[in-house]
Amino acid sequence: MGAAVREPSTTGLIRPQVRFPLIVRFNRTSLREFAMADLAFVLTTIAVFALVVLVGKGVTKL
């Protein structure tokens, strides 16, 4: 049989004490980048739907 453990091998904490890592910082540049990415996504989605509509109209004329 194995020997009994008398002392814990860790401190018992699963998560670190720091809630957010220091690498992740909040700044305005990242918000602008996210806003531009959102705008590009919306414009691309609208363009794809417009293309689908045009192709659909072209197919119905055949």
C-alpha atoms as a PDB file:
ATOM      1  CA  MET A   1       0.000   0.000   0.000  1.00  0.00           C
ATOM      2  CA  GLY A   2       1.069   3.595  -0.603  1.00  0.00           C
ATOM      3  CA  ALA A   3       2.175   5.958   2.115  1.00  0.00           C
ATOM      4  CA  ALA A   4      -0.264   8.586   3.371  1.00  0.00           C
ATOM      5  CA  VAL A   5       0.242  12.147   2.129  1.00  0.00           C
ATOM      6  CA  ARG A   6       0.886  14.506   5.014  1.00  0.00           C
ATOM      7  CA  GLU A   7       1.410  17.798   3.156  1.00  0.00           C
ATOM      8  CA  PRO A   8      -0.421  19.163   0.080  1.00  0.00           C
ATOM      9  CA  SER A   9       1.704  19.247  -3.050  1.00  0.00           C
ATOM     10  CA  THR A  10       0.106  22.536  -4.174  1.00  0.00           C
ATOM     11  CA  THR A  11      -1.382  25.601  -2.528  1.00  0.00           C
ATOM     12  CA  GLY A  12      -4.872  24.411  -3.430  1.00  0.00           C
ATOM     13  CA  LEU A  13      -5.539  27.350  -5.747  1.00  0.00           C
ATOM     14  CA  ILE A  14      -6.719  26.324  -9.179  1.00  0.00           C
ATOM     15  CA  ARG A  15      -6.784  29.808 -10.701  1.00  0.00           C
ATOM     16  CA  PRO A  16      -4.028  32.385 -10.373  1.00  0.00           C
ATOM     17  CA  GLN A  17      -4.552  35.415  -8.157  1.00  0.00           C
ATOM     18  CA  VAL A  18      -4.514  37.882 -11.072  1.00  0.00           C
ATOM     19  CA  ARG A  19      -7.931  38.126 -12.698  1.00  0.00           C
ATOM     20  CA  PHE A  20      -6.744  39.501 -16.066  1.00  0.00           C
ATOM     21  CA  PRO A  21      -3.284  38.951 -17.542  1.00  0.00           C
ATOM     22  CA  LEU A  22      -1.077  42.004 -17.778  1.00  0.00           C
ATOM     23  CA  ILE A  23      -0.554  41.401 -21.504  1.00  0.00           C
ATOM     24  CA  VAL A  24      -4.188  42.212 -22.319  1.00  0.00           C
ATOM     25  CA  ARG A  25      -4.658  45.952 -22.033  1.00  0.00           C
ATOM     26  CA  PHE A  26      -7.604  48.149 -22.895  1.00  0.00           C
ATOM     27  CA  ASN A  27      -6.847  50.934 -25.329  1.00  0.00           C
ATOM     28  CA  ARG A  28      -8.646  52.932 -28.015  1.00  0.00           C
ATOM     29  CA  THR A  29      -6.669  51.478 -30.910  1.00  0.00           C
ATOM     30  CA  SER A  30      -8.096  48.023 -30.352  1.00  0.00           C
ATOM     31  CA  LEU A  31     -11.643  49.422 -30.264  1.00  0.00           C
ATOM     32  CA  ARG A  32     -11.072  51.176 -33.581  1.00  0.00           C
ATOM     33  CA  GLU A  33      -9.677  48.006 -35.089  1.00  0.00           C
ATOM     34  CA  PHE A  34     -12.694  46.018 -33.920  1.00  0.00           C
ATOM     35  CA  ALA A  35     -15.050  48.678 -35.276  1.00  0.00           C
ATOM     36  CA  MET A  36     -13.319  48.626 -38.665  1.00  0.00           C
ATOM     37  CA  ALA A  37     -13.420  44.826 -38.726  1.00  0.00           C
ATOM     38  CA  ASP A  38     -17.148  44.916 -37.926  1.00  0.00           C
ATOM     39  CA  LEU A  39     -17.758  47.470 -40.663  1.00  0.00           C
ATOM     40  CA  ALA A  40     -15.808  45.402 -43.185  1.00  0.00           C
ATOM     41  CA  PHE A  41     -17.810  42.310 -42.224  1.00  0.00           C
ATOM     42  CA  VAL A  42     -21.140  44.119 -42.633  1.00  0.00           C
ATOM     43  CA  LEU A  43     -20.158  45.590 -46.011  1.00  0.00           C
ATOM     44  CA  THR A  44     -18.895  42.218 -47.241  1.00  0.00           C
ATOM     45  CA  THR A  45     -22.117  40.536 -46.124  1.00  0.00           C
ATOM     46  CA  ILE A  46     -24.235  43.136 -47.922  1.00  0.00           C
ATOM     47  CA  ALA A  47     -22.128  42.759 -51.073  1.00  0.00           C
ATOM     48  CA  VAL A  48     -22.523  38.966 -51.006  1.00  0.00           C
ATOM     49  CA  PHE A  49     -26.302  39.244 -50.623  1.00  0.00           C
ATOM     50  CA  ALA A  50     -26.449  41.774 -53.471  1.00  0.00           C
ATOM     51  CA  LEU A  51     -24.451  39.400 -55.659  1.00  0.00           C
ATOM     52  CA  VAL A  52     -26.794  36.530 -54.791  1.00  0.00           C
ATOM     53  CA  VAL A  53     -29.787  38.705 -55.734  1.00  0.00           C
ATOM     54  CA  LEU A  54     -28.209  39.666 -59.053  1.00  0.00           C
ATOM     55  CA  VAL A  55     -27.379  36.053 -59.868  1.00  0.00           C
ATOM     56  CA  GLY A  56     -30.912  35.047 -58.881  1.00  0.00           C
ATOM     57  CA  LYS A  57     -32.425  37.655 -61.204  1.00  0.00           C
ATOM     58  CA  GLY A  58     -30.139  36.517 -64.020  1.00  0.00           C
ATOM     59  CA  VAL A  59     -31.149  32.885 -63.545  1.00  0.00           C
ATOM     60  CA  THR A  60     -34.855  33.706 -63.623  1.00  0.00           C
ATOM     61  CA  LYS A  61     -34.436  35.463 -67.005  1.00  0.00           C
ATOM     62  CA  LEU A  62     -33.091  32.262 -68.581  1.00  0.00           C
END
